[in-house]
Amino acid sequence: MSDTAGDLKPLLAKVATGTALSEDEAEAAFDIIMSGNATPSQMGAFLMALRVRGETVDEITGAARAMRAKALTIDAPPGAIDTCGTGGDGSGSFNISTA
């Protein structure tokens, strides 16, 4: 990880200038966010800056690494299946299974 551990401000400043983050920097940023160490304003500004500029492969990879590191493993009974979709298929339908 980068030397900005625990502080989103320098990483936010970098993406605000249009500069891409390295994979390690993106992982650090998302770790900070997912650890609850960023304010809602910082999170919104960071995500909007990424979206406006366009996310890079390294940024998406770093974000995925941070999220996977925070993921919880559950013990499911043998044969269990997930029957709930996320609604992100682009078909224009609404997912009401979790509403």
PDB file of N, CA and C in Angstrom:
ATOM      1  N   MET A   1       0.839  -1.191   0.000  1.00  0.00           N
ATOM      2  CA  MET A   1       0.000   0.000   0.000  1.00  0.00           C
ATOM      3  C   MET A   1       0.876   1.243   0.000  1.00  0.00           C
ATOM      4  N   SER A   2       0.277   2.362  -0.303  1.00  0.00           N
ATOM      5  CA  SER A   2       1.040   3.603  -0.375  1.00  0.00           C
ATOM      6  C   SER A   2       1.264   4.181   1.004  1.00  0.00           C
ATOM      7  N   ASP A   3       2.053   5.255   1.058  1.00  0.00           N
ATOM      8  CA  ASP A   3       2.357   5.889   2.338  1.00  0.00           C
ATOM      9  C   ASP A   3       1.262   6.852   2.787  1.00  0.00           C
ATOM     10  N   THR A   4       0.110   6.826   2.144  1.00  0.00           N
ATOM     11  CA  THR A   4      -1.001   7.707   2.508  1.00  0.00           C
ATOM     12  C   THR A   4      -2.018   6.974   3.381  1.00  0.00           C
ATOM     13  N   ALA A   5      -1.604   5.868   3.987  1.00  0.00           N
ATOM     14  CA  ALA A   5      -2.522   5.042   4.765  1.00  0.00           C
ATOM     15  C   ALA A   5      -3.283   5.868   5.788  1.00  0.00           C
ATOM     16  N   GLY A   6      -4.603   5.719   5.764  1.00  0.00           N
ATOM     17  CA  GLY A   6      -5.444   6.383   6.743  1.00  0.00           C
ATOM     18  C   GLY A   6      -5.892   7.777   6.377  1.00  0.00           C
ATOM     19  N   ASP A   7      -5.408   8.344   5.289  1.00  0.00           N
ATOM     20  CA  ASP A   7      -5.767   9.715   4.922  1.00  0.00           C
ATOM     21  C   ASP A   7      -6.131   9.763   3.443  1.00  0.00           C
ATOM     22  N   LEU A   8      -7.399  10.022   3.165  1.00  0.00           N
ATOM     23  CA  LEU A   8      -7.864  10.066   1.783  1.00  0.00           C
ATOM     24  C   LEU A   8      -7.497  11.369   1.082  1.00  0.00           C
ATOM     25  N   LYS A   9      -7.206  12.420   1.837  1.00  0.00           N
ATOM     26  CA  LYS A   9      -7.003  13.744   1.234  1.00  0.00           C
ATOM     27  C   LYS A   9      -5.956  13.778   0.125  1.00  0.00           C
ATOM     28  N   PRO A  10      -4.754  13.221   0.324  1.00  0.00           N
ATOM     29  CA  PRO A  10      -3.768  13.295  -0.771  1.00  0.00           C
ATOM     30  C   PRO A  10      -4.201  12.514  -2.014  1.00  0.00           C
ATOM     31  N   LEU A  11      -4.907  11.414  -1.806  1.00  0.00           N
ATOM     32  CA  LEU A  11      -5.378  10.631  -2.943  1.00  0.00           C
ATOM     33  C   LEU A  11      -6.528  11.341  -3.643  1.00  0.00           C
ATOM     34  N   LEU A  12      -7.390  11.991  -2.879  1.00  0.00           N
ATOM     35  CA  LEU A  12      -8.466  12.799  -3.452  1.00  0.00           C
ATOM     36  C   LEU A  12      -7.886  13.953  -4.260  1.00  0.00           C
ATOM     37  N   ALA A  13      -6.869  14.608  -3.720  1.00  0.00           N
ATOM     38  CA  ALA A  13      -6.228  15.721  -4.434  1.00  0.00           C
ATOM     39  C   ALA A  13      -5.641  15.243  -5.760  1.00  0.00           C
ATOM     40  N   LYS A  14      -5.073  14.055  -5.755  1.00  0.00           N
ATOM     41  CA  LYS A  14      -4.465  13.519  -6.973  1.00  0.00           C
ATOM     42  C   LYS A  14      -5.522  13.259  -8.045  1.00  0.00           C
ATOM     43  N   VAL A  15      -6.622  12.596  -7.685  1.00  0.00           N
ATOM     44  CA  VAL A  15      -7.643  12.317  -8.704  1.00  0.00           C
ATOM     45  C   VAL A  15      -8.368  13.589  -9.122  1.00  0.00           C
ATOM     46  N   ALA A  16      -8.438  14.574  -8.234  1.00  0.00           N
ATOM     47  CA  ALA A  16      -9.098  15.844  -8.575  1.00  0.00           C
ATOM     48  C   ALA A  16      -8.341  16.598  -9.663  1.00  0.00           C
ATOM     49  N   THR A  17      -7.040  16.352  -9.789  1.00  0.00           N
ATOM     50  CA  THR A  17      -6.252  16.991 -10.850  1.00  0.00           C
ATOM     51  C   THR A  17      -6.319  16.208 -12.159  1.00  0.00           C
ATOM     52  N   GLY A  18      -7.008  15.073 -12.131  1.00  0.00           N
ATOM     53  CA  GLY A  18      -7.118  14.252 -13.331  1.00  0.00           C
ATOM     54  C   GLY A  18      -6.038  13.205 -13.455  1.00  0.00           C
ATOM     55  N   THR A  19      -5.228  13.059 -12.414  1.00  0.00           N
ATOM     56  CA  THR A  19      -4.135  12.092 -12.434  1.00  0.00           C
ATOM     57  C   THR A  19      -4.645  10.717 -12.008  1.00  0.00           C
ATOM     58  N   ALA A  20      -4.226   9.694 -12.716  1.00  0.00           N
ATOM     59  CA  ALA A  20      -4.628   8.331 -12.381  1.00  0.00           C
ATOM     60  C   ALA A  20      -3.873   7.841 -11.151  1.00  0.00           C
ATOM     61  N   LEU A  21      -4.548   7.022 -10.363  1.00  0.00           N
ATOM     62  CA  LEU A  21      -3.915   6.390  -9.212  1.00  0.00           C
ATOM     63  C   LEU A  21      -3.269   5.083  -9.643  1.00  0.00           C
ATOM     64  N   SER A  22      -2.201   4.713  -8.950  1.00  0.00           N
ATOM     65  CA  SER A  22      -1.628   3.389  -9.158  1.00  0.00           C
ATOM     66  C   SER A  22      -2.576   2.364  -8.527  1.00  0.00           C
ATOM     67  N   GLU A  23      -2.356   1.118  -8.817  1.00  0.00           N
ATOM     68  CA  GLU A  23      -3.177   0.064  -8.216  1.00  0.00           C
ATOM     69  C   GLU A  23      -3.080   0.103  -6.695  1.00  0.00           C
ATOM     70  N   ASP A  24      -1.866   0.288  -6.169  1.00  0.00           N
ATOM     71  CA  ASP A  24      -1.682   0.356  -4.715  1.00  0.00           C
ATOM     72  C   ASP A  24      -2.369   1.573  -4.111  1.00  0.00           C
ATOM     73  N   GLU A  25      -2.305   2.710  -4.803  1.00  0.00           N
ATOM     74  CA  GLU A  25      -2.975   3.915  -4.302  1.00  0.00           C
ATOM     75  C   GLU A  25      -4.489   3.735  -4.293  1.00  0.00           C
ATOM     76  N   ALA A  26      -5.027   3.130  -5.343  1.00  0.00           N
ATOM     77  CA  ALA A  26      -6.471   2.887  -5.395  1.00  0.00           C
ATOM     78  C   ALA A  26      -6.886   1.924  -4.293  1.00  0.00           C
ATOM     79  N   GLU A  27      -6.085   0.900  -4.068  1.00  0.00           N
ATOM     80  CA  GLU A  27      -6.386  -0.036  -2.979  1.00  0.00           C
ATOM     81  C   GLU A  27      -6.384   0.690  -1.643  1.00  0.00           C
ATOM     82  N   ALA A  28      -5.400   1.557  -1.433  1.00  0.00           N
ATOM     83  CA  ALA A  28      -5.329   2.323  -0.184  1.00  0.00           C
ATOM     84  C   ALA A  28      -6.548   3.221  -0.031  1.00  0.00           C
ATOM     85  N   ALA A  29      -6.949   3.889  -1.111  1.00  0.00           N
ATOM     86  CA  ALA A  29      -8.102   4.791  -1.056  1.00  0.00           C
ATOM     87  C   ALA A  29      -9.370   4.039  -0.686  1.00  0.00           C
ATOM     88  N   PHE A  30      -9.607   2.923  -1.328  1.00  0.00           N
ATOM     89  CA  PHE A  30     -10.826   2.169  -1.037  1.00  0.00           C
ATOM     90  C   PHE A  30     -10.763   1.497   0.328  1.00  0.00           C
ATOM     91  N   ASP A  31      -9.574   1.148   0.788  1.00  0.00           N
ATOM     92  CA  ASP A  31      -9.438   0.631   2.149  1.00  0.00           C
ATOM     93  C   ASP A  31      -9.814   1.709   3.166  1.00  0.00           C
ATOM     94  N   ILE A  32      -9.359   2.928   2.930  1.00  0.00           N
ATOM     95  CA  ILE A  32      -9.700   4.056   3.810  1.00  0.00           C
ATOM     96  C   ILE A  32     -11.215   4.252   3.835  1.00  0.00           C
ATOM     97  N   ILE A  33     -11.825   4.255   2.663  1.00  0.00           N
ATOM     98  CA  ILE A  33     -13.275   4.440   2.564  1.00  0.00           C
ATOM     99  C   ILE A  33     -14.015   3.308   3.270  1.00  0.00           C
ATOM    100  N   MET A  34     -13.631   2.080   2.984  1.00  0.00           N
ATOM    101  CA  MET A  34     -14.350   0.935   3.539  1.00  0.00           C
ATOM    102  C   MET A  34     -14.064   0.707   5.014  1.00  0.00           C
ATOM    103  N   SER A  35     -13.027   1.327   5.529  1.00  0.00           N
ATOM    104  CA  SER A  35     -12.723   1.243   6.960  1.00  0.00           C
ATOM    105  C   SER A  35     -13.434   2.325   7.758  1.00  0.00           C
ATOM    106  N   GLY A  36     -14.164   3.205   7.068  1.00  0.00           N
ATOM    107  CA  GLY A  36     -14.886   4.274   7.754  1.00  0.00           C
ATOM    108  C   GLY A  36     -14.021   5.456   8.125  1.00  0.00           C
ATOM    109  N   ASN A  37     -12.874   5.603   7.464  1.00  0.00           N
ATOM    110  CA  ASN A  37     -11.941   6.681   7.793  1.00  0.00           C
ATOM    111  C   ASN A  37     -12.001   7.859   6.831  1.00  0.00           C
ATOM    112  N   ALA A  38     -13.086   7.964   6.081  1.00  0.00           N
ATOM    113  CA  ALA A  38     -13.287   9.103   5.175  1.00  0.00           C
ATOM    114  C   ALA A  38     -14.663   9.688   5.460  1.00  0.00           C
ATOM    115  N   THR A  39     -14.780  10.994   5.312  1.00  0.00           N
ATOM    116  CA  THR A  39     -16.071  11.647   5.519  1.00  0.00           C
ATOM    117  C   THR A  39     -16.968  11.392   4.304  1.00  0.00           C
ATOM    118  N   PRO A  40     -18.276  11.529   4.470  1.00  0.00           N
ATOM    119  CA  PRO A  40     -19.156  11.390   3.309  1.00  0.00           C
ATOM    120  C   PRO A  40     -18.790  12.352   2.176  1.00  0.00           C
ATOM    121  N   SER A  41     -18.388  13.566   2.516  1.00  0.00           N
ATOM    122  CA  SER A  41     -17.990  14.533   1.482  1.00  0.00           C
ATOM    123  C   SER A  41     -16.746  14.070   0.737  1.00  0.00           C
ATOM    124  N   GLN A  42     -15.774  13.541   1.459  1.00  0.00           N
ATOM    125  CA  GLN A  42     -14.563  13.030   0.818  1.00  0.00           C
ATOM    126  C   GLN A  42     -14.890  11.855  -0.098  1.00  0.00           C
ATOM    127  N   MET A  43     -15.739  10.952   0.382  1.00  0.00           N
ATOM    128  CA  MET A  43     -16.112   9.792  -0.435  1.00  0.00           C
ATOM    129  C   MET A  43     -16.814  10.234  -1.716  1.00  0.00           C
ATOM    130  N   GLY A  44     -17.764  11.148  -1.579  1.00  0.00           N
ATOM    131  CA  GLY A  44     -18.492  11.629  -2.749  1.00  0.00           C
ATOM    132  C   GLY A  44     -17.588  12.323  -3.743  1.00  0.00           C
ATOM    133  N   ALA A  45     -16.708  13.182  -3.244  1.00  0.00           N
ATOM    134  CA  ALA A  45     -15.788  13.904  -4.126  1.00  0.00           C
ATOM    135  C   ALA A  45     -14.829  12.939  -4.819  1.00  0.00           C
ATOM    136  N   PHE A  46     -14.321  11.971  -4.082  1.00  0.00           N
ATOM    137  CA  PHE A  46     -13.390  10.995  -4.638  1.00  0.00           C
ATOM    138  C   PHE A  46     -14.055  10.180  -5.750  1.00  0.00           C
ATOM    139  N   LEU A  47     -15.235   9.644  -5.462  1.00  0.00           N
ATOM    140  CA  LEU A  47     -15.927   8.819  -6.450  1.00  0.00           C
ATOM    141  C   LEU A  47     -16.356   9.629  -7.669  1.00  0.00           C
ATOM    142  N   MET A  48     -16.782  10.861  -7.446  1.00  0.00           N
ATOM    143  CA  MET A  48     -17.182  11.710  -8.575  1.00  0.00           C
ATOM    144  C   MET A  48     -15.971  12.059  -9.442  1.00  0.00           C
ATOM    145  N   ALA A  49     -14.829  12.340  -8.811  1.00  0.00           N
ATOM    146  CA  ALA A  49     -13.619  12.649  -9.581  1.00  0.00           C
ATOM    147  C   ALA A  49     -13.212  11.455 -10.441  1.00  0.00           C
ATOM    148  N   LEU A  50     -13.302  10.251  -9.874  1.00  0.00           N
ATOM    149  CA  LEU A  50     -12.991   9.056 -10.662  1.00  0.00           C
ATOM    150  C   LEU A  50     -13.956   8.916 -11.834  1.00  0.00           C
ATOM    151  N   ARG A  51     -15.225   9.124 -11.558  1.00  0.00           N
ATOM    152  CA  ARG A  51     -16.247   8.939 -12.592  1.00  0.00           C
ATOM    153  C   ARG A  51     -16.120   9.954 -13.717  1.00  0.00           C
ATOM    154  N   VAL A  52     -15.868  11.203 -13.359  1.00  0.00           N
ATOM    155  CA  VAL A  52     -15.765  12.258 -14.371  1.00  0.00           C
ATOM    156  C   VAL A  52     -14.562  12.020 -15.279  1.00  0.00           C
ATOM    157  N   ARG A  53     -13.433  11.643 -14.677  1.00  0.00           N
ATOM    158  CA  ARG A  53     -12.220  11.401 -15.453  1.00  0.00           C
ATOM    159  C   ARG A  53     -12.279  10.063 -16.162  1.00  0.00           C
ATOM    160  N   GLY A  54     -12.944   9.106 -15.554  1.00  0.00           N
ATOM    161  CA  GLY A  54     -12.986   7.741 -16.075  1.00  0.00           C
ATOM    162  C   GLY A  54     -12.009   6.875 -15.306  1.00  0.00           C
ATOM    163  N   GLU A  55     -12.491   5.755 -14.832  1.00  0.00           N
ATOM    164  CA  GLU A  55     -11.672   4.868 -14.018  1.00  0.00           C
ATOM    165  C   GLU A  55     -10.682   4.103 -14.893  1.00  0.00           C
ATOM    166  N   THR A  56      -9.481   3.889 -14.375  1.00  0.00           N
ATOM    167  CA  THR A  56      -8.479   3.108 -15.096  1.00  0.00           C
ATOM    168  C   THR A  56      -8.549   1.653 -14.639  1.00  0.00           C
ATOM    169  N   VAL A  57      -7.924   0.783 -15.398  1.00  0.00           N
ATOM    170  CA  VAL A  57      -7.857  -0.629 -15.024  1.00  0.00           C
ATOM    171  C   VAL A  57      -7.174  -0.776 -13.669  1.00  0.00           C
ATOM    172  N   ASP A  58      -6.070  -0.049 -13.451  1.00  0.00           N
ATOM    173  CA  ASP A  58      -5.366  -0.142 -12.168  1.00  0.00           C
ATOM    174  C   ASP A  58      -6.252   0.304 -11.009  1.00  0.00           C
ATOM    175  N   GLU A  59      -7.049   1.345 -11.220  1.00  0.00           N
ATOM    176  CA  GLU A  59      -7.933   1.834 -10.154  1.00  0.00           C
ATOM    177  C   GLU A  59      -9.027   0.820  -9.830  1.00  0.00           C
ATOM    178  N   ILE A  60      -9.597   0.219 -10.859  1.00  0.00           N
ATOM    179  CA  ILE A  60     -10.632  -0.788 -10.631  1.00  0.00           C
ATOM    180  C   ILE A  60     -10.034  -2.020  -9.958  1.00  0.00           C
ATOM    181  N   THR A  61      -8.845  -2.412 -10.385  1.00  0.00           N
ATOM    182  CA  THR A  61      -8.177  -3.566  -9.782  1.00  0.00           C
ATOM    183  C   THR A  61      -7.851  -3.302  -8.320  1.00  0.00           C
ATOM    184  N   GLY A  62      -7.329  -2.112  -8.021  1.00  0.00           N
ATOM    185  CA  GLY A  62      -7.025  -1.762  -6.632  1.00  0.00           C
ATOM    186  C   GLY A  62      -8.265  -1.717  -5.771  1.00  0.00           C
ATOM    187  N   ALA A  63      -9.350  -1.162  -6.314  1.00  0.00           N
ATOM    188  CA  ALA A  63     -10.617  -1.112  -5.578  1.00  0.00           C
ATOM    189  C   ALA A  63     -11.119  -2.525  -5.301  1.00  0.00           C
ATOM    190  N   ALA A  64     -11.038  -3.386  -6.295  1.00  0.00           N
ATOM    191  CA  ALA A  64     -11.488  -4.770  -6.116  1.00  0.00           C
ATOM    192  C   ALA A  64     -10.656  -5.483  -5.059  1.00  0.00           C
ATOM    193  N   ARG A  65      -9.346  -5.248  -5.060  1.00  0.00           N
ATOM    194  CA  ARG A  65      -8.490  -5.870  -4.036  1.00  0.00           C
ATOM    195  C   ARG A  65      -8.899  -5.419  -2.645  1.00  0.00           C
ATOM    196  N   ALA A  66      -9.177  -4.116  -2.483  1.00  0.00           N
ATOM    197  CA  ALA A  66      -9.588  -3.597  -1.174  1.00  0.00           C
ATOM    198  C   ALA A  66     -10.915  -4.204  -0.743  1.00  0.00           C
ATOM    199  N   MET A  67     -11.854  -4.306  -1.677  1.00  0.00           N
ATOM    200  CA  MET A  67     -13.164  -4.873  -1.339  1.00  0.00           C
ATOM    201  C   MET A  67     -13.062  -6.352  -1.000  1.00  0.00           C
ATOM    202  N   ARG A  68     -12.250  -7.077  -1.749  1.00  0.00           N
ATOM    203  CA  ARG A  68     -12.087  -8.511  -1.460  1.00  0.00           C
ATOM    204  C   ARG A  68     -11.429  -8.727  -0.108  1.00  0.00           C
ATOM    205  N   ALA A  69     -10.526  -7.829   0.272  1.00  0.00           N
ATOM    206  CA  ALA A  69      -9.874  -7.939   1.581  1.00  0.00           C
ATOM    207  C   ALA A  69     -10.868  -7.712   2.718  1.00  0.00           C
ATOM    208  N   LYS A  70     -11.923  -6.939   2.464  1.00  0.00           N
ATOM    209  CA  LYS A  70     -12.939  -6.643   3.483  1.00  0.00           C
ATOM    210  C   LYS A  70     -14.110  -7.627   3.452  1.00  0.00           C
ATOM    211  N   ALA A  71     -14.194  -8.448   2.415  1.00  0.00           N
ATOM    212  CA  ALA A  71     -15.327  -9.366   2.270  1.00  0.00           C
ATOM    213  C   ALA A  71     -15.333 -10.396   3.394  1.00  0.00           C
ATOM    214  N   LEU A  72     -16.529 -10.723   3.838  1.00  0.00           N
ATOM    215  CA  LEU A  72     -16.698 -11.732   4.873  1.00  0.00           C
ATOM    216  C   LEU A  72     -17.034 -13.070   4.230  1.00  0.00           C
ATOM    217  N   THR A  73     -16.453 -14.119   4.746  1.00  0.00           N
ATOM    218  CA  THR A  73     -16.765 -15.458   4.290  1.00  0.00           C
ATOM    219  C   THR A  73     -17.884 -16.005   5.168  1.00  0.00           C
ATOM    220  N   ILE A  74     -18.867 -16.601   4.541  1.00  0.00           N
ATOM    221  CA  ILE A  74     -19.954 -17.194   5.314  1.00  0.00           C
ATOM    222  C   ILE A  74     -19.946 -18.701   5.123  1.00  0.00           C
ATOM    223  N   ASP A  75     -20.426 -19.397   6.122  1.00  0.00           N
ATOM    224  CA  ASP A  75     -20.593 -20.841   6.021  1.00  0.00           C
ATOM    225  C   ASP A  75     -22.022 -21.106   5.581  1.00  0.00           C
ATOM    226  N   ALA A  76     -22.178 -21.582   4.374  1.00  0.00           N
ATOM    227  CA  ALA A  76     -23.498 -21.890   3.838  1.00  0.00           C
ATOM    228  C   ALA A  76     -23.668 -23.403   3.792  1.00  0.00           C
ATOM    229  N   PRO A  77     -24.890 -23.840   3.979  1.00  0.00           N
ATOM    230  CA  PRO A  77     -25.113 -25.288   3.896  1.00  0.00           C
ATOM    231  C   PRO A  77     -24.825 -25.799   2.485  1.00  0.00           C
ATOM    232  N   PRO A  78     -24.430 -27.059   2.366  1.00  0.00           N
ATOM    233  CA  PRO A  78     -24.172 -27.622   1.035  1.00  0.00           C
ATOM    234  C   PRO A  78     -25.402 -27.474   0.139  1.00  0.00           C
ATOM    235  N   GLY A  79     -25.183 -27.089  -1.096  1.00  0.00           N
ATOM    236  CA  GLY A  79     -26.267 -26.960  -2.055  1.00  0.00           C
ATOM    237  C   GLY A  79     -27.002 -25.635  -2.007  1.00  0.00           C
ATOM    238  N   ALA A  80     -26.603 -24.733  -1.118  1.00  0.00           N
ATOM    239  CA  ALA A  80     -27.270 -23.429  -1.035  1.00  0.00           C
ATOM    240  C   ALA A  80     -27.006 -22.639  -2.307  1.00  0.00           C
ATOM    241  N   ILE A  81     -28.019 -21.905  -2.760  1.00  0.00           N
ATOM    242  CA  ILE A  81     -27.863 -21.057  -3.936  1.00  0.00           C
ATOM    243  C   ILE A  81     -28.368 -19.658  -3.622  1.00  0.00           C
ATOM    244  N   ASP A  82     -27.852 -18.686  -4.344  1.00  0.00           N
ATOM    245  CA  ASP A  82     -28.282 -17.297  -4.211  1.00  0.00           C
ATOM    246  C   ASP A  82     -29.363 -17.051  -5.254  1.00  0.00           C
ATOM    247  N   THR A  83     -30.551 -16.648  -4.810  1.00  0.00           N
ATOM    248  CA  THR A  83     -31.660 -16.438  -5.744  1.00  0.00           C
ATOM    249  C   THR A  83     -32.000 -14.966  -5.921  1.00  0.00           C
ATOM    250  N   CYS A  84     -31.131 -14.087  -5.461  1.00  0.00           N
ATOM    251  CA  CYS A  84     -31.422 -12.654  -5.523  1.00  0.00           C
ATOM    252  C   CYS A  84     -30.435 -11.973  -6.462  1.00  0.00           C
ATOM    253  N   GLY A  85     -30.949 -11.292  -7.469  1.00  0.00           N
ATOM    254  CA  GLY A  85     -30.100 -10.532  -8.372  1.00  0.00           C
ATOM    255  C   GLY A  85     -29.878  -9.131  -7.847  1.00  0.00           C
ATOM    256  N   THR A  86     -28.959  -8.418  -8.472  1.00  0.00           N
ATOM    257  CA  THR A  86     -28.669  -7.042  -8.052  1.00  0.00           C
ATOM    258  C   THR A  86     -29.376  -6.008  -8.905  1.00  0.00           C
ATOM    259  N   GLY A  87     -30.031  -6.436  -9.970  1.00  0.00           N
ATOM    260  CA  GLY A  87     -30.754  -5.491 -10.816  1.00  0.00           C
ATOM    261  C   GLY A  87     -29.883  -4.726 -11.791  1.00  0.00           C
ATOM    262  N   GLY A  88     -28.639  -5.099 -11.942  1.00  0.00           N
ATOM    263  CA  GLY A  88     -27.731  -4.352 -12.809  1.00  0.00           C
ATOM    264  C   GLY A  88     -27.591  -4.916 -14.203  1.00  0.00           C
ATOM    265  N   ASP A  89     -28.622  -5.557 -14.719  1.00  0.00           N
ATOM    266  CA  ASP A  89     -28.497  -6.204 -16.022  1.00  0.00           C
ATOM    267  C   ASP A  89     -28.790  -5.289 -17.205  1.00  0.00           C
ATOM    268  N   GLY A  90     -29.224  -4.055 -16.944  1.00  0.00           N
ATOM    269  CA  GLY A  90     -29.468  -3.102 -18.014  1.00  0.00           C
ATOM    270  C   GLY A  90     -30.736  -3.352 -18.807  1.00  0.00           C
ATOM    271  N   SER A  91     -31.606  -4.234 -18.317  1.00  0.00           N
ATOM    272  CA  SER A  91     -32.824  -4.559 -19.063  1.00  0.00           C
ATOM    273  C   SER A  91     -33.953  -3.568 -18.829  1.00  0.00           C
ATOM    274  N   GLY A  92     -33.748  -2.609 -17.927  1.00  0.00           N
ATOM    275  CA  GLY A  92     -34.785  -1.627 -17.639  1.00  0.00           C
ATOM    276  C   GLY A  92     -35.805  -2.118 -16.634  1.00  0.00           C
ATOM    277  N   SER A  93     -35.557  -3.265 -16.034  1.00  0.00           N
ATOM    278  CA  SER A  93     -36.481  -3.802 -15.036  1.00  0.00           C
ATOM    279  C   SER A  93     -36.099  -3.308 -13.644  1.00  0.00           C
ATOM    280  N   PHE A  94     -36.992  -3.511 -12.699  1.00  0.00           N
ATOM    281  CA  PHE A  94     -36.739  -3.129 -11.315  1.00  0.00           C
ATOM    282  C   PHE A  94     -36.528  -4.377 -10.478  1.00  0.00           C
ATOM    283  N   ASN A  95     -35.543  -4.345  -9.597  1.00  0.00           N
ATOM    284  CA  ASN A  95     -35.303  -5.442  -8.670  1.00  0.00           C
ATOM    285  C   ASN A  95     -36.094  -5.146  -7.401  1.00  0.00           C
ATOM    286  N   ILE A  96     -37.165  -5.896  -7.166  1.00  0.00           N
ATOM    287  CA  ILE A  96     -37.975  -5.661  -5.967  1.00  0.00           C
ATOM    288  C   ILE A  96     -37.768  -6.743  -4.913  1.00  0.00           C
ATOM    289  N   SER A  97     -36.858  -7.675  -5.174  1.00  0.00           N
ATOM    290  CA  SER A  97     -36.666  -8.781  -4.237  1.00  0.00           C
ATOM    291  C   SER A  97     -36.068  -8.324  -2.916  1.00  0.00           C
ATOM    292  N   THR A  98     -35.386  -7.203  -2.911  1.00  0.00           N
ATOM    293  CA  THR A  98     -34.788  -6.705  -1.668  1.00  0.00           C
ATOM    294  C   THR A  98     -35.393  -5.379  -1.238  1.00  0.00           C
ATOM    295  N   ALA A  99     -36.449  -4.967  -1.890  1.00  0.00           N
ATOM    296  CA  ALA A  99     -37.071  -3.674  -1.572  1.00  0.00           C
ATOM    297  C   ALA A  99     -37.808  -3.720  -0.248  1.00  0.00           C
TER     298      ALA A  99
END
